[in-house]
Amino acid sequence: MNRIELIIYNIVKSNPKLKRFMVENYQKLFSLIPRKSVKSDYPIKVCEQFFYGFHDKCPWSLDNKMLLAHHFNIPYRKTMPDDEIEVGYFAGPEFLDYKLVGTTRAWSWQNGAMLQWVGPSFDIIYNDYDGKELIAKIVDIKGKGLKILPRPIGAVSLSGQKALSFNFKRFENGLPGYGCVNGIDPDADVLIPSRKGDGLHIIDIESGQIRELFTVADIASIRPHPTMKHSLNFFSHCQFSPSGKRFVFFHRWLENKNRLWTRMISCDLNGKDIYIYPTSGMVSHVAWRDDQHVLAYARTDEFGDKYYLFSDKMDKYDIIGEDSFNSDGHPQFSPDKRYILTDTYPDRFRMQFLIIYDTYIEKRYNIARLKLPLKFLRELHVDLHPRWDSNGTAICFDSGHTGKRSLCTIKIDLNKLV
């Protein structure tokens, strides 16, 4: 954003409907000015009709020989209850050989089916709908069923031992396009549900044991904000720390079906030692650097909207890339923790930037600039959601720059960034 755009953004950011109206019409005007659909010094491999999902997981297997993906043949529109897509992976030297392992009706365009590897194993886990309930399935790389968990999962620990679960139907009601249109929210008409069974759960993957750590009402009762009581409260976006001893999650509340409030919270695996990060109403995208630090694009009373590196449980933070970033993105640390991979939302010309930021020398590298067609709006937007491979030699991201939602990959040499 330029200086004038940033000033206007800060004025309208508390009114999402007005902000969306202004952004969309502003982009429609500037989209009349011709722009190349792709600008990059790096070859981009594109697989149309495929995508992965969010930025907070690694779709590559530990040996970097397989790349998880969703494949769809349905029309590109809002998700319907009967819409089914495939889950599988690419293999082979250039990741050209697609292997189907299953199908699912528990997915969204932004998060997919929470498709991921079960820790360091070659087993795959994803969410599905059995006609009555949302569940999670574990299969091997040939698609053979290994286990069914009676709840959908949001995150799996790096060890593959634990998973976190929350209500994906309520998530969809609070943030359309991110949860699941299937499933049940028995407390759909309750703003702050206290009923046991629909809170945040931890699952032991080996034994299948499930424990509810707390309800939405339990968390909303801790340092409550005045707007919570007349807003739809829900959980989303959970992530284990690298050691798996703690996790972060979002407590969100949708006020008047318009303004979304968010706070980021961490706790241990028993739902104890709860810590609320010192943010002010907005946290969007998160990445653990190590067990003591969490990177988040967030708002603080002191500095406003920035990338912050928060110290867990300490009320301390540092601004990251203050001279390099002035808008939101989807960050992920490189395996060696030196580099941050992130992106931007479409600018006035509908251009999205794919970015690597070197934290040692505080330098930003624009890896690619991609134009997102105007048909990808609102719930159908295509964020790049970039993700590293297992050793920092390649990047994959979702994109719509060809006119179709696609899974893209770029090989990268971090010693030769331009």
Protein backbone atom coordinates (compact mmCIF):
# COMPACT_ATOMS: atom_id res chain seq x y z
CA MET A 1 0.00 0.00 0.00
CA ASN A 2 1.16 3.53 -0.70
CA ARG A 3 0.88 6.26 1.93
CA ILE A 4 -2.57 7.50 0.86
CA GLU A 5 -3.97 3.95 0.66
CA LEU A 6 -2.58 3.21 4.11
CA ILE A 7 -4.27 6.28 5.58
CA ILE A 8 -7.62 5.32 4.04
CA TYR A 9 -7.19 1.70 5.15
CA ASN A 10 -6.63 2.79 8.77
CA ILE A 11 -9.82 4.84 8.60
CA VAL A 12 -12.07 2.05 7.27
CA LYS A 13 -10.42 -1.09 8.73
CA SER A 14 -12.90 -1.30 11.61
CA ASN A 15 -15.80 -1.58 9.12
CA PRO A 16 -15.12 -4.69 6.98
CA LYS A 17 -18.14 -4.26 4.71
CA LEU A 18 -17.16 -0.70 3.82
CA LYS A 19 -13.51 -1.69 3.44
CA ARG A 20 -14.39 -4.57 1.09
CA PHE A 21 -16.67 -2.32 -1.01
CA MET A 22 -13.95 0.31 -1.38
CA VAL A 23 -11.17 -2.19 -2.13
CA GLU A 24 -13.15 -4.09 -4.75
CA ASN A 25 -14.23 -1.00 -6.64
CA TYR A 26 -10.77 0.56 -6.39
CA GLN A 27 -9.28 -2.60 -7.88
CA LYS A 28 -11.91 -2.77 -10.63
CA LEU A 29 -10.91 0.72 -11.71
CA PHE A 30 -7.14 0.05 -11.75
CA SER A 31 -7.56 -3.41 -13.32
CA LEU A 32 -8.37 -1.60 -16.57
CA ILE A 33 -4.67 -0.72 -16.76
CA PRO A 34 -2.88 -3.65 -18.49
CA ARG A 35 -0.46 -5.69 -16.40
CA LYS A 36 1.42 -8.91 -17.14
CA SER A 37 -0.09 -11.86 -15.29
CA VAL A 38 3.33 -13.06 -14.09
CA LYS A 39 6.64 -11.38 -13.35
CA SER A 40 9.36 -13.56 -11.83
CA ASP A 41 13.03 -14.42 -12.25
CA TYR A 42 12.19 -17.99 -11.26
CA PRO A 43 10.43 -20.63 -13.40
CA ILE A 44 6.98 -21.45 -12.01
CA LYS A 45 5.43 -24.88 -12.49
CA VAL A 46 1.61 -24.74 -12.55
CA CYS A 47 -0.87 -27.57 -11.92
CA GLU A 48 -4.34 -26.28 -12.74
CA GLN A 49 -7.41 -27.55 -10.86
CA PHE A 50 -5.21 -28.38 -7.84
CA PHE A 51 -4.60 -26.53 -4.57
CA TYR A 52 -3.27 -27.23 -1.09
CA GLY A 53 -4.82 -24.83 1.41
CA PHE A 54 -3.47 -22.77 4.28
CA HIS A 55 0.09 -21.57 4.93
CA ASP A 56 0.63 -23.12 8.37
CA LYS A 57 1.47 -26.69 7.31
CA CYS A 58 4.16 -28.38 5.23
CA PRO A 59 2.63 -30.30 2.28
CA TRP A 60 5.92 -32.04 1.44
CA SER A 61 6.81 -35.40 2.94
CA LEU A 62 9.84 -35.45 5.21
CA ASP A 63 12.01 -36.88 2.40
CA ASN A 64 10.72 -34.19 -0.03
CA LYS A 65 9.58 -36.86 -2.52
CA MET A 66 5.81 -36.30 -2.22
CA LEU A 67 3.69 -33.14 -2.30
CA LEU A 68 0.15 -33.23 -0.90
CA ALA A 69 -2.66 -31.65 -2.94
CA HIS A 70 -6.42 -31.41 -3.40
CA HIS A 71 -7.84 -31.94 -6.88
CA PHE A 72 -11.25 -30.63 -7.94
CA ASN A 73 -13.50 -31.04 -10.98
CA ILE A 74 -16.50 -29.16 -9.62
CA PRO A 75 -17.42 -25.62 -10.75
CA TYR A 76 -15.45 -22.91 -9.00
CA ARG A 77 -18.16 -21.40 -6.77
CA LYS A 78 -19.19 -21.34 -3.13
CA THR A 79 -18.91 -24.79 -1.57
CA MET A 80 -22.12 -26.85 -1.48
CA PRO A 81 -22.87 -29.79 0.88
CA ASP A 82 -22.63 -32.40 -1.88
CA ASP A 83 -19.40 -31.06 -3.35
CA GLU A 84 -16.69 -33.71 -3.24
CA ILE A 85 -13.02 -33.24 -4.09
CA GLU A 86 -10.03 -35.56 -4.23
CA VAL A 87 -7.08 -35.71 -1.84
CA GLY A 88 -3.74 -37.09 -2.91
CA TYR A 89 -0.15 -36.19 -3.66
CA PHE A 90 2.33 -35.56 -6.46
CA ALA A 91 5.41 -37.77 -6.80
CA GLY A 92 8.25 -38.26 -9.26
CA PRO A 93 11.33 -36.12 -9.98
CA GLU A 94 9.31 -33.10 -11.15
CA PHE A 95 6.17 -33.85 -9.11
CA LEU A 96 4.18 -34.67 -12.24
CA ASP A 97 2.72 -38.01 -11.14
CA TYR A 98 -0.52 -37.48 -9.18
CA LYS A 99 -1.63 -40.23 -6.78
CA LEU A 100 -5.23 -40.30 -5.51
CA VAL A 101 -5.69 -41.50 -1.91
CA GLY A 102 -9.30 -40.51 -1.18
CA THR A 103 -12.17 -38.06 -1.50
CA THR A 104 -13.80 -35.69 0.96
CA ARG A 105 -16.89 -33.55 1.58
CA ALA A 106 -15.33 -31.73 4.56
CA TRP A 107 -13.29 -28.95 3.00
CA SER A 108 -13.11 -25.28 2.04
CA TRP A 109 -11.30 -23.34 -0.66
CA GLN A 110 -9.06 -21.65 1.93
CA ASN A 111 -8.18 -24.56 4.22
CA GLY A 112 -8.85 -27.58 2.05
CA ALA A 113 -9.59 -30.68 4.14
CA MET A 114 -6.76 -29.90 6.62
CA LEU A 115 -4.73 -32.36 4.56
CA GLN A 116 -1.33 -33.09 6.15
CA TRP A 117 1.26 -35.72 6.99
CA VAL A 118 1.00 -37.51 10.32
CA GLY A 119 4.26 -36.24 11.75
CA PRO A 120 7.43 -37.76 10.25
CA SER A 121 5.54 -40.78 8.91
CA PHE A 122 4.25 -41.32 5.37
CA ASP A 123 0.68 -41.61 6.62
CA ILE A 124 -1.79 -38.92 5.55
CA ILE A 125 -4.63 -37.39 7.55
CA TYR A 126 -7.56 -35.32 6.27
CA ASN A 127 -11.09 -34.37 7.30
CA ASP A 128 -14.22 -35.95 5.83
CA TYR A 129 -17.98 -36.07 6.35
CA ASP A 130 -19.67 -39.44 6.98
CA GLY A 131 -23.19 -38.17 6.33
CA LYS A 132 -23.82 -37.29 9.96
CA GLU A 133 -20.61 -36.02 11.51
CA LEU A 134 -17.31 -34.47 10.55
CA ILE A 135 -14.48 -36.95 11.06
CA ALA A 136 -10.78 -37.36 10.24
CA LYS A 137 -9.33 -40.23 8.21
CA ILE A 138 -5.79 -41.57 8.26
CA VAL A 139 -4.61 -43.47 5.19
CA ASP A 140 -1.30 -44.71 3.84
CA ILE A 141 0.22 -43.49 0.57
CA LYS A 142 -1.72 -46.13 -1.35
CA GLY A 143 -5.01 -44.87 0.07
CA LYS A 144 -5.51 -47.82 2.42
CA GLY A 145 -7.59 -46.80 5.43
CA LEU A 146 -5.68 -47.02 8.70
CA LYS A 147 -7.82 -45.20 11.23
CA ILE A 148 -10.89 -42.98 11.63
CA LEU A 149 -11.02 -40.30 14.30
CA PRO A 150 -14.52 -39.24 15.41
CA ARG A 151 -13.70 -35.52 15.18
CA PRO A 152 -12.19 -33.29 12.47
CA ILE A 153 -8.65 -32.08 13.06
CA GLY A 154 -7.20 -28.61 12.75
CA ALA A 155 -3.53 -29.32 13.44
CA VAL A 156 -1.18 -32.24 14.03
CA SER A 157 1.98 -31.99 16.15
CA LEU A 158 5.32 -32.40 14.39
CA SER A 159 5.75 -35.72 16.22
CA GLY A 160 2.47 -36.98 14.79
CA GLN A 161 1.28 -37.97 18.28
CA LYS A 162 -1.35 -35.30 18.97
CA ALA A 163 -4.04 -33.43 17.06
CA LEU A 164 -6.28 -30.47 17.89
CA SER A 165 -9.98 -30.25 17.04
CA PHE A 166 -12.69 -27.59 17.16
CA ASN A 167 -16.14 -27.06 15.61
CA PHE A 168 -15.60 -26.52 11.87
CA LYS A 169 -19.28 -25.86 11.20
CA ARG A 170 -19.28 -23.00 13.70
CA PHE A 171 -16.00 -21.82 12.17
CA GLU A 172 -17.78 -21.63 8.79
CA ASN A 173 -20.68 -19.70 10.33
CA GLY A 174 -18.24 -17.18 11.80
CA LEU A 175 -15.87 -16.98 8.83
CA PRO A 176 -17.52 -18.23 5.61
CA GLY A 177 -15.20 -20.02 3.24
CA TYR A 178 -12.82 -21.30 5.92
CA GLY A 179 -14.69 -24.01 7.83
CA CYS A 180 -17.04 -26.72 6.56
CA VAL A 181 -20.54 -26.33 5.12
CA ASN A 182 -21.29 -29.88 6.31
CA GLY A 183 -21.43 -30.87 9.96
CA ILE A 184 -23.49 -29.66 12.89
CA ASP A 185 -23.31 -26.67 15.20
CA PRO A 186 -25.84 -27.54 17.94
CA ASP A 187 -25.28 -24.10 19.47
CA ALA A 188 -25.69 -22.14 16.24
CA ASP A 189 -28.08 -19.71 17.93
CA VAL A 190 -25.94 -19.38 21.07
CA LEU A 191 -23.46 -16.53 20.99
CA ILE A 192 -21.10 -17.91 23.64
CA PRO A 193 -21.69 -21.67 23.93
CA SER A 194 -20.90 -23.40 27.21
CA ARG A 195 -22.17 -26.86 26.28
CA LYS A 196 -19.64 -29.63 26.72
CA GLY A 197 -18.59 -31.32 23.49
CA ASP A 198 -18.06 -28.38 21.14
CA GLY A 199 -15.05 -26.72 22.68
CA LEU A 200 -11.41 -27.23 21.80
CA HIS A 201 -10.27 -30.87 22.02
CA ILE A 202 -6.92 -32.63 21.99
CA ILE A 203 -6.68 -36.08 20.40
CA ASP A 204 -4.11 -38.80 21.03
CA ILE A 205 -3.72 -40.14 17.50
CA GLU A 206 -2.35 -43.55 18.49
CA SER A 207 -4.99 -44.43 21.09
CA GLY A 208 -7.81 -42.27 19.71
CA GLN A 209 -8.41 -40.79 23.17
CA ILE A 210 -10.11 -37.38 23.06
CA ARG A 211 -10.14 -34.77 25.83
CA GLU A 212 -12.03 -31.49 25.78
CA LEU A 213 -9.73 -28.80 27.14
CA PHE A 214 -12.26 -25.98 27.45
CA THR A 215 -15.47 -24.59 26.00
CA VAL A 216 -15.87 -21.32 24.12
CA ALA A 217 -17.53 -19.87 27.24
CA ASP A 218 -14.54 -20.87 29.38
CA ILE A 219 -12.20 -18.81 27.21
CA ALA A 220 -14.64 -15.91 26.73
CA SER A 221 -14.83 -15.56 30.54
CA ILE A 222 -11.10 -14.77 30.74
CA ARG A 223 -10.50 -11.02 30.41
CA PRO A 224 -13.74 -10.54 28.43
CA HIS A 225 -14.09 -7.72 25.92
CA PRO A 226 -17.42 -5.79 26.06
CA THR A 227 -18.25 -6.72 22.43
CA MET A 228 -18.10 -10.49 23.08
CA LYS A 229 -21.50 -10.75 24.76
CA HIS A 230 -23.45 -9.72 21.63
CA SER A 231 -21.16 -11.46 19.10
CA LEU A 232 -20.82 -14.99 17.69
CA ASN A 233 -17.81 -16.48 19.53
CA PHE A 234 -15.78 -19.36 18.08
CA PHE A 235 -12.33 -20.99 17.84
CA SER A 236 -10.03 -21.26 14.82
CA HIS A 237 -6.41 -21.44 13.58
CA CYS A 238 -4.64 -23.69 16.09
CA GLN A 239 -0.93 -24.55 15.80
CA PHE A 240 1.36 -26.69 17.93
CA SER A 241 4.74 -25.30 18.97
CA PRO A 242 7.74 -27.10 17.41
CA SER A 243 8.20 -29.32 20.48
CA GLY A 244 4.46 -29.98 20.70
CA LYS A 245 4.36 -28.96 24.37
CA ARG A 246 2.14 -25.90 23.79
CA PHE A 247 -0.13 -24.56 21.09
CA VAL A 248 -1.68 -21.29 19.98
CA PHE A 249 -5.25 -20.78 18.81
CA PHE A 250 -7.57 -17.92 17.94
CA HIS A 251 -10.57 -16.92 20.00
CA ARG A 252 -12.74 -14.94 17.59
CA TRP A 253 -16.04 -13.15 17.79
CA LEU A 254 -18.11 -11.75 14.92
CA GLU A 255 -19.89 -8.56 15.92
CA ASN A 256 -23.14 -7.69 14.11
CA LYS A 257 -22.24 -10.11 11.29
CA ASN A 258 -19.66 -7.58 10.18
CA ARG A 259 -16.62 -6.88 12.34
CA LEU A 260 -14.35 -9.79 13.26
CA TRP A 261 -12.40 -9.51 16.49
CA THR A 262 -9.50 -11.87 17.25
CA ARG A 263 -7.16 -12.59 20.10
CA MET A 264 -4.33 -15.12 20.10
CA ILE A 265 -3.98 -17.46 23.06
CA SER A 266 -1.48 -20.16 24.00
CA CYS A 267 -1.70 -22.96 26.55
CA ASP A 268 -0.24 -26.35 27.42
CA LEU A 269 -1.65 -29.71 26.33
CA ASN A 270 -3.92 -29.85 29.36
CA GLY A 271 -5.53 -26.53 28.56
CA LYS A 272 -3.69 -24.91 31.47
CA ASP A 273 -1.07 -22.17 31.77
CA ILE A 274 -3.21 -19.99 29.48
CA TYR A 275 -1.58 -16.88 28.03
CA ILE A 276 -3.33 -14.12 26.07
CA TYR A 277 -0.98 -12.24 23.74
CA PRO A 278 -0.82 -8.40 24.00
CA THR A 279 -2.70 -7.64 20.79
CA SER A 280 -5.53 -5.22 20.21
CA GLY A 281 -8.52 -6.69 18.41
CA MET A 282 -6.76 -8.16 15.36
CA VAL A 283 -4.49 -11.13 14.76
CA SER A 284 -4.54 -12.73 11.33
CA HIS A 285 -1.73 -15.15 10.45
CA VAL A 286 0.77 -16.94 12.65
CA ALA A 287 4.01 -18.95 12.50
CA TRP A 288 6.03 -20.40 15.39
CA ARG A 289 9.75 -19.63 15.04
CA ASP A 290 10.70 -21.79 18.03
CA ASP A 291 9.10 -22.82 21.31
CA GLN A 292 9.53 -19.36 22.80
CA HIS A 293 8.55 -17.09 19.86
CA VAL A 294 5.51 -16.68 17.61
CA LEU A 295 5.42 -14.46 14.52
CA ALA A 296 2.04 -12.90 13.81
CA TYR A 297 0.57 -10.15 11.71
CA ALA A 298 -1.36 -8.35 14.41
CA ARG A 299 -2.41 -5.03 15.89
CA THR A 300 -1.08 -3.52 19.09
CA ASP A 301 -2.15 -0.33 20.82
CA GLU A 302 1.43 0.90 20.69
CA PHE A 303 2.36 0.41 17.02
CA GLY A 304 -0.76 -0.60 15.07
CA ASP A 305 -0.76 -3.26 12.34
CA LYS A 306 2.64 -4.93 11.88
CA TYR A 307 4.46 -8.23 11.76
CA TYR A 308 5.41 -8.90 15.39
CA LEU A 309 7.65 -11.55 16.89
CA PHE A 310 5.99 -12.25 20.23
CA SER A 311 7.69 -13.93 23.18
CA ASP A 312 5.35 -16.59 24.52
CA LYS A 313 4.08 -15.87 28.06
CA MET A 314 6.22 -12.73 28.46
CA ASP A 315 4.30 -9.68 27.08
CA LYS A 316 7.34 -8.85 24.93
CA TYR A 317 7.52 -8.36 21.18
CA ASP A 318 9.68 -7.00 18.38
CA ILE A 319 8.54 -5.54 15.06
CA ILE A 320 9.74 -7.57 12.06
CA GLY A 321 10.42 -5.96 8.68
CA GLU A 322 9.11 -2.52 9.63
CA ASP A 323 10.64 -0.96 6.52
CA SER A 324 9.70 -3.90 4.27
CA PHE A 325 6.03 -4.59 5.04
CA ASN A 326 2.95 -2.42 5.42
CA SER A 327 0.23 -5.02 4.81
CA ASP A 328 -0.91 -8.46 5.91
CA GLY A 329 0.46 -11.76 4.63
CA HIS A 330 0.77 -15.49 5.35
CA PRO A 331 4.18 -16.15 6.93
CA GLN A 332 6.18 -19.33 7.39
CA PHE A 333 9.75 -19.72 8.65
CA SER A 334 12.34 -21.57 6.58
CA PRO A 335 13.62 -24.82 8.08
CA ASP A 336 16.75 -23.02 9.36
CA LYS A 337 14.56 -20.17 10.78
CA ARG A 338 16.59 -17.46 9.01
CA TYR A 339 14.09 -16.64 6.26
CA ILE A 340 10.40 -15.77 6.33
CA LEU A 341 8.30 -16.77 3.35
CA THR A 342 5.15 -14.68 3.00
CA ASP A 343 2.88 -12.93 0.50
CA THR A 344 0.52 -10.01 0.05
CA TYR A 345 -3.12 -9.60 -0.82
CA PRO A 346 -3.90 -8.13 -4.26
CA ASP A 347 -2.89 -4.48 -4.63
CA ARG A 348 -4.71 -1.84 -6.68
CA PHE A 349 -3.70 -3.63 -9.90
CA ARG A 350 -4.74 -7.02 -8.43
CA MET A 351 -1.06 -8.01 -8.18
CA GLN A 352 0.04 -10.36 -5.40
CA PHE A 353 3.64 -10.53 -4.23
CA LEU A 354 5.43 -13.72 -3.22
CA ILE A 355 8.18 -12.68 -0.80
CA ILE A 356 11.21 -14.05 1.02
CA TYR A 357 12.52 -11.91 3.89
CA ASP A 358 16.04 -12.44 5.23
CA THR A 359 15.85 -11.76 8.99
CA TYR A 360 19.67 -11.64 9.33
CA ILE A 361 20.22 -8.73 6.95
CA GLU A 362 16.64 -7.40 7.08
CA LYS A 363 16.15 -7.54 3.33
CA ARG A 364 13.03 -8.33 1.29
CA TYR A 365 13.17 -10.28 -1.98
CA ASN A 366 10.18 -10.28 -4.34
CA ILE A 367 10.22 -13.80 -5.74
CA ALA A 368 7.17 -13.37 -7.98
CA ARG A 369 4.40 -10.92 -8.80
CA LEU A 370 1.16 -12.51 -9.97
CA LYS A 371 -2.08 -10.94 -11.18
CA LEU A 372 -5.27 -12.35 -9.69
CA PRO A 373 -8.28 -12.00 -12.05
CA LEU A 374 -11.29 -10.10 -10.73
CA LYS A 375 -13.48 -13.21 -10.74
CA PHE A 376 -11.63 -14.39 -7.61
CA LEU A 377 -13.40 -12.25 -5.01
CA ARG A 378 -14.74 -12.67 -1.47
CA GLU A 379 -15.16 -16.35 -0.51
CA LEU A 380 -13.58 -17.34 -3.83
CA HIS A 381 -10.39 -15.33 -3.33
CA VAL A 382 -7.12 -17.16 -3.94
CA ASP A 383 -4.41 -16.30 -1.43
CA LEU A 384 -0.93 -17.50 -2.27
CA HIS A 385 -0.52 -19.16 1.16
CA PRO A 386 3.15 -20.00 0.42
CA ARG A 387 4.88 -23.00 2.03
CA TRP A 388 8.50 -24.21 2.21
CA ASP A 389 9.54 -27.73 1.39
CA SER A 390 11.25 -29.81 4.07
CA ASN A 391 14.77 -28.45 3.49
CA GLY A 392 14.23 -24.94 2.10
CA THR A 393 14.96 -25.69 -1.56
CA ALA A 394 11.48 -25.16 -3.00
CA ILE A 395 8.26 -23.25 -2.43
CA CYS A 396 4.70 -24.20 -3.25
CA PHE A 397 1.74 -21.83 -3.30
CA ASP A 398 -1.81 -21.58 -4.57
CA SER A 399 -2.60 -19.07 -7.31
CA GLY A 400 -5.28 -17.97 -9.75
CA HIS A 401 -3.06 -16.02 -12.14
CA THR A 402 -3.79 -18.40 -15.07
CA GLY A 403 -7.54 -17.89 -14.62
CA LYS A 404 -7.88 -21.22 -12.82
CA ARG A 405 -7.13 -22.08 -9.22
CA SER A 406 -3.78 -23.87 -9.34
CA LEU A 407 -1.01 -25.37 -7.23
CA CYS A 408 2.35 -23.85 -8.15
CA THR A 409 5.93 -24.67 -7.25
CA ILE A 410 9.24 -22.80 -7.52
CA LYS A 411 12.71 -24.19 -6.94
CA ILE A 412 14.80 -21.79 -4.89
CA ASP A 413 18.47 -21.35 -3.95
CA LEU A 414 18.64 -19.20 -0.85
CA ASN A 415 22.27 -18.37 -1.61
CA LYS A 416 21.29 -16.82 -4.94
CA LEU A 417 18.25 -14.69 -4.16
CA VAL A 418 17.54 -11.79 -6.51
